Amino acid sequence: KETEAQPAIMSSEVEETMRRIIKHVGVKDVILTDKEAKLIFHETNTNMTNQDAQKYASNLAQLTTQARSVVRDLDPQNDLSFFRIRSKKHEIMVAPDKDFLLMVVQNPSAEESK
């Protein structure tokens, strides 16, 4: 499932990378948003809707802002480059960029069950 309108900023190379990520063992969803947390791309191996993906994006964008503030408060010369949240059901990896936010939701026990 993808968003209904993919902006021109979504190059075929980026799109191919997103499709490669979703094929990794345990990966459930790949979500890409702009800096305002507006959904640009959503690929899923589950029944996550675009509405659910937008909810993840909005919440994780807020958490990213807070995490970035913590990193900068501790060291003003530093910046947040990546963070991971692990729960019993999911592991969410977030890679913030100046203009985009990449989120990957995966099954945390997928690799352990190989």
PDB file of N, CA and C in Angstrom:
ATOM      1  N   LYS A   1       0.840  -1.171   0.000  1.00  0.00           N
ATOM      2  CA  LYS A   1       0.000   0.000   0.000  1.00  0.00           C
ATOM      3  C   LYS A   1       0.882   1.229   0.000  1.00  0.00           C
ATOM      4  N   GLU A   2       0.536   2.186  -0.809  1.00  0.00           N
ATOM      5  CA  GLU A   2       1.284   3.423  -0.861  1.00  0.00           C
ATOM      6  C   GLU A   2       0.328   4.586  -0.689  1.00  0.00           C
ATOM      7  N   THR A   3       0.891   5.738  -0.433  1.00  0.00           N
ATOM      8  CA  THR A   3       0.047   6.920  -0.388  1.00  0.00           C
ATOM      9  C   THR A   3      -0.468   7.183  -1.783  1.00  0.00           C
ATOM     10  N   GLU A   4      -1.625   7.844  -1.857  1.00  0.00           N
ATOM     11  CA  GLU A   4      -2.255   8.068  -3.141  1.00  0.00           C
ATOM     12  C   GLU A   4      -1.466   8.992  -4.050  1.00  0.00           C
ATOM     13  N   ALA A   5      -0.732   9.936  -3.492  1.00  0.00           N
ATOM     14  CA  ALA A   5       0.032  10.869  -4.316  1.00  0.00           C
ATOM     15  C   ALA A   5       1.470  10.916  -3.824  1.00  0.00           C
ATOM     16  N   GLN A   6       2.366  10.455  -4.657  1.00  0.00           N
ATOM     17  CA  GLN A   6       3.778  10.531  -4.306  1.00  0.00           C
ATOM     18  C   GLN A   6       4.357  11.761  -4.982  1.00  0.00           C
ATOM     19  N   PRO A   7       4.894  12.692  -4.211  1.00  0.00           N
ATOM     20  CA  PRO A   7       5.432  13.916  -4.784  1.00  0.00           C
ATOM     21  C   PRO A   7       6.612  13.658  -5.707  1.00  0.00           C
ATOM     22  N   ALA A   8       6.914  14.644  -6.500  1.00  0.00           N
ATOM     23  CA  ALA A   8       8.013  14.541  -7.453  1.00  0.00           C
ATOM     24  C   ALA A   8       9.351  14.343  -6.756  1.00  0.00           C
ATOM     25  N   ILE A   9       9.441  14.731  -5.466  1.00  0.00           N
ATOM     26  CA  ILE A   9      10.708  14.590  -4.751  1.00  0.00           C
ATOM     27  C   ILE A   9      11.079  13.128  -4.521  1.00  0.00           C
ATOM     28  N   MET A  10      10.130  12.233  -4.734  1.00  0.00           N
ATOM     29  CA  MET A  10      10.364  10.805  -4.535  1.00  0.00           C
ATOM     30  C   MET A  10      11.018  10.232  -5.791  1.00  0.00           C
ATOM     31  N   SER A  11      12.334  10.156  -5.803  1.00  0.00           N
ATOM     32  CA  SER A  11      13.039   9.641  -6.968  1.00  0.00           C
ATOM     33  C   SER A  11      12.865   8.125  -7.058  1.00  0.00           C
ATOM     34  N   SER A  12      13.077   7.595  -8.230  1.00  0.00           N
ATOM     35  CA  SER A  12      12.940   6.152  -8.417  1.00  0.00           C
ATOM     36  C   SER A  12      13.986   5.404  -7.593  1.00  0.00           C
ATOM     37  N   GLU A  13      15.148   6.012  -7.398  1.00  0.00           N
ATOM     38  CA  GLU A  13      16.199   5.386  -6.596  1.00  0.00           C
ATOM     39  C   GLU A  13      15.764   5.280  -5.133  1.00  0.00           C
ATOM     40  N   VAL A  14      15.168   6.342  -4.606  1.00  0.00           N
ATOM     41  CA  VAL A  14      14.679   6.338  -3.233  1.00  0.00           C
ATOM     42  C   VAL A  14      13.547   5.327  -3.096  1.00  0.00           C
ATOM     43  N   GLU A  15      12.645   5.331  -4.053  1.00  0.00           N
ATOM     44  CA  GLU A  15      11.522   4.391  -4.016  1.00  0.00           C
ATOM     45  C   GLU A  15      12.019   2.949  -4.044  1.00  0.00           C
ATOM     46  N   GLU A  16      13.014   2.672  -4.862  1.00  0.00           N
ATOM     47  CA  GLU A  16      13.577   1.323  -4.941  1.00  0.00           C
ATOM     48  C   GLU A  16      14.234   0.937  -3.614  1.00  0.00           C
ATOM     49  N   THR A  17      14.905   1.874  -2.971  1.00  0.00           N
ATOM     50  CA  THR A  17      15.514   1.615  -1.671  1.00  0.00           C
ATOM     51  C   THR A  17      14.449   1.256  -0.638  1.00  0.00           C
ATOM     52  N   MET A  18      13.335   1.999  -0.643  1.00  0.00           N
ATOM     53  CA  MET A  18      12.235   1.710   0.294  1.00  0.00           C
ATOM     54  C   MET A  18      11.674   0.308   0.044  1.00  0.00           C
ATOM     55  N   ARG A  19      11.538  -0.055  -1.199  1.00  0.00           N
ATOM     56  CA  ARG A  19      11.007  -1.384  -1.531  1.00  0.00           C
ATOM     57  C   ARG A  19      11.991  -2.491  -1.153  1.00  0.00           C
ATOM     58  N   ARG A  20      13.283  -2.183  -1.194  1.00  0.00           N
ATOM     59  CA  ARG A  20      14.295  -3.160  -0.766  1.00  0.00           C
ATOM     60  C   ARG A  20      14.235  -3.353   0.746  1.00  0.00           C
ATOM     61  N   ILE A  21      14.055  -2.259   1.482  1.00  0.00           N
ATOM     62  CA  ILE A  21      13.992  -2.341   2.943  1.00  0.00           C
ATOM     63  C   ILE A  21      12.821  -3.214   3.381  1.00  0.00           C
ATOM     64  N   ILE A  22      11.666  -3.060   2.749  1.00  0.00           N
ATOM     65  CA  ILE A  22      10.461  -3.792   3.165  1.00  0.00           C
ATOM     66  C   ILE A  22      10.635  -5.303   2.960  1.00  0.00           C
ATOM     67  N   LYS A  23      11.567  -5.709   2.113  1.00  0.00           N
ATOM     68  CA  LYS A  23      11.787  -7.129   1.845  1.00  0.00           C
ATOM     69  C   LYS A  23      12.676  -7.808   2.884  1.00  0.00           C
ATOM     70  N   HIS A  24      13.299  -7.025   3.777  1.00  0.00           N
ATOM     71  CA  HIS A  24      14.156  -7.612   4.808  1.00  0.00           C
ATOM     72  C   HIS A  24      13.324  -8.427   5.793  1.00  0.00           C
ATOM     73  N   VAL A  25      13.931  -9.470   6.326  1.00  0.00           N
ATOM     74  CA  VAL A  25      13.260 -10.341   7.290  1.00  0.00           C
ATOM     75  C   VAL A  25      12.787  -9.533   8.494  1.00  0.00           C
ATOM     76  N   GLY A  26      11.525  -9.684   8.830  1.00  0.00           N
ATOM     77  CA  GLY A  26      10.975  -9.036  10.007  1.00  0.00           C
ATOM     78  C   GLY A  26      10.423  -7.642   9.797  1.00  0.00           C
ATOM     79  N   VAL A  27      10.745  -7.008   8.669  1.00  0.00           N
ATOM     80  CA  VAL A  27      10.261  -5.649   8.427  1.00  0.00           C
ATOM     81  C   VAL A  27       8.774  -5.695   8.110  1.00  0.00           C
ATOM     82  N   LYS A  28       8.023  -4.879   8.849  1.00  0.00           N
ATOM     83  CA  LYS A  28       6.571  -4.832   8.677  1.00  0.00           C
ATOM     84  C   LYS A  28       6.134  -3.619   7.868  1.00  0.00           C
ATOM     85  N   ASP A  29       6.723  -2.472   8.135  1.00  0.00           N
ATOM     86  CA  ASP A  29       6.326  -1.239   7.466  1.00  0.00           C
ATOM     87  C   ASP A  29       7.513  -0.314   7.272  1.00  0.00           C
ATOM     88  N   VAL A  30       7.474   0.419   6.167  1.00  0.00           N
ATOM     89  CA  VAL A  30       8.443   1.474   5.893  1.00  0.00           C
ATOM     90  C   VAL A  30       7.631   2.738   5.655  1.00  0.00           C
ATOM     91  N   ILE A  31       7.965   3.785   6.422  1.00  0.00           N
ATOM     92  CA  ILE A  31       7.225   5.036   6.345  1.00  0.00           C
ATOM     93  C   ILE A  31       8.223   6.167   6.113  1.00  0.00           C
ATOM     94  N   LEU A  32       7.944   7.001   5.120  1.00  0.00           N
ATOM     95  CA  LEU A  32       8.769   8.169   4.841  1.00  0.00           C
ATOM     96  C   LEU A  32       7.866   9.396   4.870  1.00  0.00           C
ATOM     97  N   THR A  33       8.285  10.413   5.617  1.00  0.00           N
ATOM     98  CA  THR A  33       7.506  11.645   5.699  1.00  0.00           C
ATOM     99  C   THR A  33       8.394  12.844   5.397  1.00  0.00           C
ATOM    100  N   ASP A  34       7.736  13.978   5.135  1.00  0.00           N
ATOM    101  CA  ASP A  34       8.490  15.216   5.003  1.00  0.00           C
ATOM    102  C   ASP A  34       8.749  15.779   6.398  1.00  0.00           C
ATOM    103  N   LYS A  35       9.383  16.943   6.468  1.00  0.00           N
ATOM    104  CA  LYS A  35       9.752  17.485   7.785  1.00  0.00           C
ATOM    105  C   LYS A  35       8.550  17.909   8.617  1.00  0.00           C
ATOM    106  N   GLU A  36       7.373  18.049   8.006  1.00  0.00           N
ATOM    107  CA  GLU A  36       6.148  18.354   8.759  1.00  0.00           C
ATOM    108  C   GLU A  36       5.382  17.079   9.120  1.00  0.00           C
ATOM    109  N   ALA A  37       5.989  15.926   8.929  1.00  0.00           N
ATOM    110  CA  ALA A  37       5.409  14.612   9.223  1.00  0.00           C
ATOM    111  C   ALA A  37       4.251  14.259   8.297  1.00  0.00           C
ATOM    112  N   LYS A  38       4.228  14.850   7.106  1.00  0.00           N
ATOM    113  CA  LYS A  38       3.220  14.489   6.104  1.00  0.00           C
ATOM    114  C   LYS A  38       3.709  13.253   5.345  1.00  0.00           C
ATOM    115  N   LEU A  39       2.854  12.267   5.265  1.00  0.00           N
ATOM    116  CA  LEU A  39       3.201  10.993   4.648  1.00  0.00           C
ATOM    117  C   LEU A  39       3.570  11.166   3.169  1.00  0.00           C
ATOM    118  N   ILE A  40       4.754  10.677   2.812  1.00  0.00           N
ATOM    119  CA  ILE A  40       5.208  10.699   1.420  1.00  0.00           C
ATOM    120  C   ILE A  40       5.131   9.293   0.838  1.00  0.00           C
ATOM    121  N   PHE A  41       5.547   8.308   1.638  1.00  0.00           N
ATOM    122  CA  PHE A  41       5.628   6.932   1.155  1.00  0.00           C
ATOM    123  C   PHE A  41       5.308   5.986   2.303  1.00  0.00           C
ATOM    124  N   HIS A  42       4.530   4.962   1.989  1.00  0.00           N
ATOM    125  CA  HIS A  42       4.235   3.917   2.973  1.00  0.00           C
ATOM    126  C   HIS A  42       4.139   2.593   2.247  1.00  0.00           C
ATOM    127  N   GLU A  43       4.991   1.686   2.616  1.00  0.00           N
ATOM    128  CA  GLU A  43       4.975   0.320   2.072  1.00  0.00           C
ATOM    129  C   GLU A  43       4.770  -0.611   3.252  1.00  0.00           C
ATOM    130  N   THR A  44       3.908  -1.606   3.092  1.00  0.00           N
ATOM    131  CA  THR A  44       3.575  -2.450   4.232  1.00  0.00           C
ATOM    132  C   THR A  44       3.553  -3.932   3.883  1.00  0.00           C
ATOM    133  N   ASN A  45       3.893  -4.742   4.881  1.00  0.00           N
ATOM    134  CA  ASN A  45       3.739  -6.199   4.814  1.00  0.00           C
ATOM    135  C   ASN A  45       2.617  -6.629   5.755  1.00  0.00           C
ATOM    136  N   THR A  46       1.902  -5.667   6.291  1.00  0.00           N
ATOM    137  CA  THR A  46       0.820  -5.932   7.243  1.00  0.00           C
ATOM    138  C   THR A  46      -0.440  -5.248   6.739  1.00  0.00           C
ATOM    139  N   ASN A  47      -1.401  -5.123   7.605  1.00  0.00           N
ATOM    140  CA  ASN A  47      -2.630  -4.427   7.219  1.00  0.00           C
ATOM    141  C   ASN A  47      -2.641  -2.988   7.723  1.00  0.00           C
ATOM    142  N   MET A  48      -1.456  -2.407   7.990  1.00  0.00           N
ATOM    143  CA  MET A  48      -1.395  -1.017   8.434  1.00  0.00           C
ATOM    144  C   MET A  48      -1.900  -0.108   7.320  1.00  0.00           C
ATOM    145  N   THR A  49      -2.870   0.699   7.646  1.00  0.00           N
ATOM    146  CA  THR A  49      -3.435   1.634   6.673  1.00  0.00           C
ATOM    147  C   THR A  49      -2.571   2.891   6.603  1.00  0.00           C
ATOM    148  N   ASN A  50      -2.800   3.690   5.579  1.00  0.00           N
ATOM    149  CA  ASN A  50      -2.092   4.964   5.494  1.00  0.00           C
ATOM    150  C   ASN A  50      -2.458   5.863   6.666  1.00  0.00           C
ATOM    151  N   GLN A  51      -3.682   5.745   7.151  1.00  0.00           N
ATOM    152  CA  GLN A  51      -4.108   6.530   8.305  1.00  0.00           C
ATOM    153  C   GLN A  51      -3.296   6.125   9.545  1.00  0.00           C
ATOM    154  N   ASP A  52      -3.100   4.814   9.730  1.00  0.00           N
ATOM    155  CA  ASP A  52      -2.271   4.336  10.842  1.00  0.00           C
ATOM    156  C   ASP A  52      -0.819   4.780  10.669  1.00  0.00           C
ATOM    157  N   ALA A  53      -0.322   4.710   9.435  1.00  0.00           N
ATOM    158  CA  ALA A  53       1.053   5.133   9.161  1.00  0.00           C
ATOM    159  C   ALA A  53       1.214   6.613   9.479  1.00  0.00           C
ATOM    160  N   GLN A  54       0.211   7.416   9.169  1.00  0.00           N
ATOM    161  CA  GLN A  54       0.263   8.845   9.474  1.00  0.00           C
ATOM    162  C   GLN A  54       0.281   9.073  10.988  1.00  0.00           C
ATOM    163  N   LYS A  55      -0.455   8.227  11.714  1.00  0.00           N
ATOM    164  CA  LYS A  55      -0.465   8.327  13.178  1.00  0.00           C
ATOM    165  C   LYS A  55       0.930   8.019  13.746  1.00  0.00           C
ATOM    166  N   TYR A  56       1.558   6.951  13.239  1.00  0.00           N
ATOM    167  CA  TYR A  56       2.931   6.632  13.644  1.00  0.00           C
ATOM    168  C   TYR A  56       3.839   7.823  13.346  1.00  0.00           C
ATOM    169  N   ALA A  57       3.715   8.349  12.128  1.00  0.00           N
ATOM    170  CA  ALA A  57       4.575   9.447  11.688  1.00  0.00           C
ATOM    171  C   ALA A  57       4.423  10.673  12.573  1.00  0.00           C
ATOM    172  N   SER A  58       3.199  11.043  12.881  1.00  0.00           N
ATOM    173  CA  SER A  58       2.956  12.232  13.707  1.00  0.00           C
ATOM    174  C   SER A  58       3.556  12.064  15.101  1.00  0.00           C
ATOM    175  N   ASN A  59       3.320  10.913  15.708  1.00  0.00           N
ATOM    176  CA  ASN A  59       3.845  10.665  17.052  1.00  0.00           C
ATOM    177  C   ASN A  59       5.367  10.565  17.067  1.00  0.00           C
ATOM    178  N   LEU A  60       5.917   9.882  16.093  1.00  0.00           N
ATOM    179  CA  LEU A  60       7.366   9.721  16.058  1.00  0.00           C
ATOM    180  C   LEU A  60       8.077  11.020  15.694  1.00  0.00           C
ATOM    181  N   ALA A  61       7.426  11.884  14.920  1.00  0.00           N
ATOM    182  CA  ALA A  61       8.013  13.190  14.609  1.00  0.00           C
ATOM    183  C   ALA A  61       8.143  14.017  15.886  1.00  0.00           C
ATOM    184  N   GLN A  62       7.125  13.951  16.748  1.00  0.00           N
ATOM    185  CA  GLN A  62       7.183  14.668  18.026  1.00  0.00           C
ATOM    186  C   GLN A  62       8.305  14.108  18.904  1.00  0.00           C
ATOM    187  N   LEU A  63       8.398  12.789  18.948  1.00  0.00           N
ATOM    188  CA  LEU A  63       9.447  12.151  19.752  1.00  0.00           C
ATOM    189  C   LEU A  63      10.834  12.491  19.193  1.00  0.00           C
ATOM    190  N   THR A  64      10.944  12.561  17.884  1.00  0.00           N
ATOM    191  CA  THR A  64      12.208  12.919  17.248  1.00  0.00           C
ATOM    192  C   THR A  64      12.643  14.319  17.655  1.00  0.00           C
ATOM    193  N   THR A  65      11.692  15.236  17.671  1.00  0.00           N
ATOM    194  CA  THR A  65      11.991  16.612  18.086  1.00  0.00           C
ATOM    195  C   THR A  65      12.489  16.640  19.520  1.00  0.00           C
ATOM    196  N   GLN A  66      11.835  15.882  20.390  1.00  0.00           N
ATOM    197  CA  GLN A  66      12.261  15.827  21.791  1.00  0.00           C
ATOM    198  C   GLN A  66      13.628  15.173  21.937  1.00  0.00           C
ATOM    199  N   ALA A  67      13.845  14.081  21.226  1.00  0.00           N
ATOM    200  CA  ALA A  67      15.134  13.380  21.298  1.00  0.00           C
ATOM    201  C   ALA A  67      16.259  14.273  20.770  1.00  0.00           C
ATOM    202  N   ARG A  68      15.990  15.001  19.686  1.00  0.00           N
ATOM    203  CA  ARG A  68      16.989  15.914  19.128  1.00  0.00           C
ATOM    204  C   ARG A  68      17.334  16.998  20.148  1.00  0.00           C
ATOM    205  N   SER A  69      16.328  17.497  20.860  1.00  0.00           N
ATOM    206  CA  SER A  69      16.558  18.518  21.888  1.00  0.00           C
ATOM    207  C   SER A  69      17.440  17.986  23.013  1.00  0.00           C
ATOM    208  N   VAL A  70      17.199  16.745  23.424  1.00  0.00           N
ATOM    209  CA  VAL A  70      18.015  16.127  24.471  1.00  0.00           C
ATOM    210  C   VAL A  70      19.472  16.037  24.021  1.00  0.00           C
ATOM    211  N   VAL A  71      19.681  15.557  22.800  1.00  0.00           N
ATOM    212  CA  VAL A  71      21.046  15.415  22.282  1.00  0.00           C
ATOM    213  C   VAL A  71      21.742  16.768  22.240  1.00  0.00           C
ATOM    214  N   ARG A  72      21.040  17.786  21.757  1.00  0.00           N
ATOM    215  CA  ARG A  72      21.648  19.125  21.647  1.00  0.00           C
ATOM    216  C   ARG A  72      21.853  19.773  23.017  1.00  0.00           C
ATOM    217  N   ASP A  73      20.949  19.499  23.979  1.00  0.00           N
ATOM    218  CA  ASP A  73      21.137  20.031  25.325  1.00  0.00           C
ATOM    219  C   ASP A  73      22.391  19.452  25.967  1.00  0.00           C
ATOM    220  N   LEU A  74      22.653  18.179  25.714  1.00  0.00           N
ATOM    221  CA  LEU A  74      23.834  17.531  26.278  1.00  0.00           C
ATOM    222  C   LEU A  74      25.115  17.993  25.596  1.00  0.00           C
ATOM    223  N   ASP A  75      25.015  18.266  24.289  1.00  0.00           N
ATOM    224  CA  ASP A  75      26.173  18.716  23.513  1.00  0.00           C
ATOM    225  C   ASP A  75      25.671  19.549  22.336  1.00  0.00           C
ATOM    226  N   PRO A  76      25.763  20.865  22.431  1.00  0.00           N
ATOM    227  CA  PRO A  76      25.245  21.741  21.372  1.00  0.00           C
ATOM    228  C   PRO A  76      25.887  21.519  19.997  1.00  0.00           C
ATOM    229  N   GLN A  77      27.036  20.888  19.968  1.00  0.00           N
ATOM    230  CA  GLN A  77      27.712  20.619  18.695  1.00  0.00           C
ATOM    231  C   GLN A  77      27.256  19.309  18.052  1.00  0.00           C
ATOM    232  N   ASN A  78      26.380  18.587  18.746  1.00  0.00           N
ATOM    233  CA  ASN A  78      25.947  17.268  18.285  1.00  0.00           C
ATOM    234  C   ASN A  78      24.541  17.345  17.712  1.00  0.00           C
ATOM    235  N   ASP A  79      24.116  16.292  17.015  1.00  0.00           N
ATOM    236  CA  ASP A  79      22.756  16.217  16.474  1.00  0.00           C
ATOM    237  C   ASP A  79      22.301  14.767  16.460  1.00  0.00           C
ATOM    238  N   LEU A  80      21.014  14.582  16.499  1.00  0.00           N
ATOM    239  CA  LEU A  80      20.425  13.245  16.469  1.00  0.00           C
ATOM    240  C   LEU A  80      20.538  12.672  15.059  1.00  0.00           C
ATOM    241  N   SER A  81      21.025  11.441  14.933  1.00  0.00           N
ATOM    242  CA  SER A  81      21.133  10.828  13.609  1.00  0.00           C
ATOM    243  C   SER A  81      20.285   9.564  13.473  1.00  0.00           C
ATOM    244  N   PHE A  82      19.948   8.932  14.612  1.00  0.00           N
ATOM    245  CA  PHE A  82      19.200   7.677  14.545  1.00  0.00           C
ATOM    246  C   PHE A  82      18.736   7.315  15.942  1.00  0.00           C
ATOM    247  N   PHE A  83      17.540   6.718  16.057  1.00  0.00           N
ATOM    248  CA  PHE A  83      17.163   6.117  17.330  1.00  0.00           C
ATOM    249  C   PHE A  83      16.232   4.938  17.102  1.00  0.00           C
ATOM    250  N   ARG A  84      16.185   4.087  18.123  1.00  0.00           N
ATOM    251  CA  ARG A  84      15.434   2.837  18.046  1.00  0.00           C
ATOM    252  C   ARG A  84      14.592   2.698  19.301  1.00  0.00           C
ATOM    253  N   ILE A  85      13.349   2.265  19.098  1.00  0.00           N
ATOM    254  CA  ILE A  85      12.441   2.005  20.217  1.00  0.00           C
ATOM    255  C   ILE A  85      12.024   0.548  20.104  1.00  0.00           C
ATOM    256  N   ARG A  86      12.142  -0.172  21.205  1.00  0.00           N
ATOM    257  CA  ARG A  86      11.758  -1.587  21.171  1.00  0.00           C
ATOM    258  C   ARG A  86      10.695  -1.841  22.227  1.00  0.00           C
ATOM    259  N   SER A  87       9.603  -2.452  21.784  1.00  0.00           N
ATOM    260  CA  SER A  87       8.537  -2.865  22.697  1.00  0.00           C
ATOM    261  C   SER A  87       8.386  -4.376  22.570  1.00  0.00           C
ATOM    262  N   LYS A  88       7.418  -4.934  23.243  1.00  0.00           N
ATOM    263  CA  LYS A  88       7.198  -6.376  23.144  1.00  0.00           C
ATOM    264  C   LYS A  88       6.774  -6.788  21.738  1.00  0.00           C
ATOM    265  N   LYS A  89       6.011  -5.934  21.068  1.00  0.00           N
ATOM    266  CA  LYS A  89       5.466  -6.283  19.756  1.00  0.00           C
ATOM    267  C   LYS A  89       6.266  -5.751  18.572  1.00  0.00           C
ATOM    268  N   HIS A  90       6.893  -4.590  18.724  1.00  0.00           N
ATOM    269  CA  HIS A  90       7.546  -3.933  17.598  1.00  0.00           C
ATOM    270  C   HIS A  90       8.895  -3.359  17.977  1.00  0.00           C
ATOM    271  N   GLU A  91       9.675  -3.162  16.959  1.00  0.00           N
ATOM    272  CA  GLU A  91      10.882  -2.368  17.066  1.00  0.00           C
ATOM    273  C   GLU A  91      10.745  -1.295  15.993  1.00  0.00           C
ATOM    274  N   ILE A  92      10.889  -0.043  16.400  1.00  0.00           N
ATOM    275  CA  ILE A  92      10.745   1.060  15.452  1.00  0.00           C
ATOM    276  C   ILE A  92      12.082   1.769  15.362  1.00  0.00           C
ATOM    277  N   MET A  93      12.601   1.855  14.164  1.00  0.00           N
ATOM    278  CA  MET A  93      13.861   2.546  13.929  1.00  0.00           C
ATOM    279  C   MET A  93      13.555   3.837  13.188  1.00  0.00           C
ATOM    280  N   VAL A  94      14.137   4.921  13.657  1.00  0.00           N
ATOM    281  CA  VAL A  94      13.860   6.239  13.089  1.00  0.00           C
ATOM    282  C   VAL A  94      15.175   6.885  12.672  1.00  0.00           C
ATOM    283  N   ALA A  95      15.218   7.321  11.420  1.00  0.00           N
ATOM    284  CA  ALA A  95      16.387   8.028  10.896  1.00  0.00           C
ATOM    285  C   ALA A  95      15.935   9.410  10.427  1.00  0.00           C
ATOM    286  N   PRO A  96      16.139  10.418  11.284  1.00  0.00           N
ATOM    287  CA  PRO A  96      15.728  11.767  10.895  1.00  0.00           C
ATOM    288  C   PRO A  96      16.765  12.424   9.993  1.00  0.00           C
ATOM    289  N   ASP A  97      16.271  13.257   9.103  1.00  0.00           N
ATOM    290  CA  ASP A  97      17.107  14.030   8.203  1.00  0.00           C
ATOM    291  C   ASP A  97      16.619  15.470   8.272  1.00  0.00           C
ATOM    292  N   LYS A  98      17.300  16.380   7.635  1.00  0.00           N
ATOM    293  CA  LYS A  98      16.885  17.777   7.646  1.00  0.00           C
ATOM    294  C   LYS A  98      15.489  17.955   7.038  1.00  0.00           C
ATOM    295  N   ASP A  99      15.195  17.225   5.967  1.00  0.00           N
ATOM    296  CA  ASP A  99      13.930  17.398   5.248  1.00  0.00           C
ATOM    297  C   ASP A  99      12.977  16.215   5.354  1.00  0.00           C
ATOM    298  N   PHE A 100      13.460  15.075   5.828  1.00  0.00           N
ATOM    299  CA  PHE A 100      12.657  13.859   5.844  1.00  0.00           C
ATOM    300  C   PHE A 100      12.798  13.103   7.158  1.00  0.00           C
ATOM    301  N   LEU A 101      11.884  12.158   7.349  1.00  0.00           N
ATOM    302  CA  LEU A 101      11.932  11.265   8.501  1.00  0.00           C
ATOM    303  C   LEU A 101      11.630   9.857   7.984  1.00  0.00           C
ATOM    304  N   LEU A 102      12.577   8.952   8.142  1.00  0.00           N
ATOM    305  CA  LEU A 102      12.407   7.564   7.710  1.00  0.00           C
ATOM    306  C   LEU A 102      12.158   6.710   8.933  1.00  0.00           C
ATOM    307  N   MET A 103      11.062   5.926   8.899  1.00  0.00           N
ATOM    308  CA  MET A 103      10.708   5.039   9.999  1.00  0.00           C
ATOM    309  C   MET A 103      10.542   3.624   9.461  1.00  0.00           C
ATOM    310  N   VAL A 104      11.105   2.673  10.179  1.00  0.00           N
ATOM    311  CA  VAL A 104      10.957   1.261   9.822  1.00  0.00           C
ATOM    312  C   VAL A 104      10.407   0.541  11.048  1.00  0.00           C
ATOM    313  N   VAL A 105       9.286  -0.133  10.844  1.00  0.00           N
ATOM    314  CA  VAL A 105       8.670  -0.913  11.919  1.00  0.00           C
ATOM    315  C   VAL A 105       8.971  -2.375  11.630  1.00  0.00           C
ATOM    316  N   GLN A 106       9.491  -3.077  12.620  1.00  0.00           N
ATOM    317  CA  GLN A 106       9.809  -4.491  12.391  1.00  0.00           C
ATOM    318  C   GLN A 106       9.446  -5.327  13.605  1.00  0.00           C
ATOM    319  N   ASN A 107       9.409  -6.621  13.375  1.00  0.00           N
ATOM    320  CA  ASN A 107       9.171  -7.603  14.424  1.00  0.00           C
ATOM    321  C   ASN A 107      10.495  -7.827  15.151  1.00  0.00           C
ATOM    322  N   PRO A 108      10.589  -7.492  16.432  1.00  0.00           N
ATOM    323  CA  PRO A 108      11.872  -7.599  17.126  1.00  0.00           C
ATOM    324  C   PRO A 108      12.393  -9.021  17.281  1.00  0.00           C
ATOM    325  N   SER A 109      11.529 -10.007  17.175  1.00  0.00           N
ATOM    326  CA  SER A 109      11.986 -11.384  17.356  1.00  0.00           C
ATOM    327  C   SER A 109      12.187 -12.107  16.039  1.00  0.00           C
ATOM    328  N   ALA A 110      12.066 -11.423  14.910  1.00  0.00           N
ATOM    329  CA  ALA A 110      12.212 -12.079  13.600  1.00  0.00           C
ATOM    330  C   ALA A 110      13.595 -12.670  13.408  1.00  0.00           C
ATOM    331  N   GLU A 111      14.629 -11.913  13.778  1.00  0.00           N
ATOM    332  CA  GLU A 111      15.994 -12.410  13.598  1.00  0.00           C
ATOM    333  C   GLU A 111      16.324 -13.488  14.608  1.00  0.00           C
ATOM    334  N   GLU A 112      15.751 -13.396  15.796  1.00  0.00           N
ATOM    335  CA  GLU A 112      16.032 -14.386  16.839  1.00  0.00           C
ATOM    336  C   GLU A 112      15.427 -15.758  16.509  1.00  0.00           C
ATOM    337  N   SER A 113      14.378 -15.766  15.671  1.00  0.00           N
ATOM    338  CA  SER A 113      13.693 -17.020  15.372  1.00  0.00           C
ATOM    339  C   SER A 113      14.227 -17.703  14.125  1.00  0.00           C
ATOM    340  N   LYS A 114      15.358 -17.208  13.586  1.00  0.00           N
ATOM    341  CA  LYS A 114      15.950 -17.848  12.400  1.00  0.00           C
ATOM    342  C   LYS A 114      16.466 -19.225  12.738  1.00  0.00           C
TER     343      LYS A 114
END
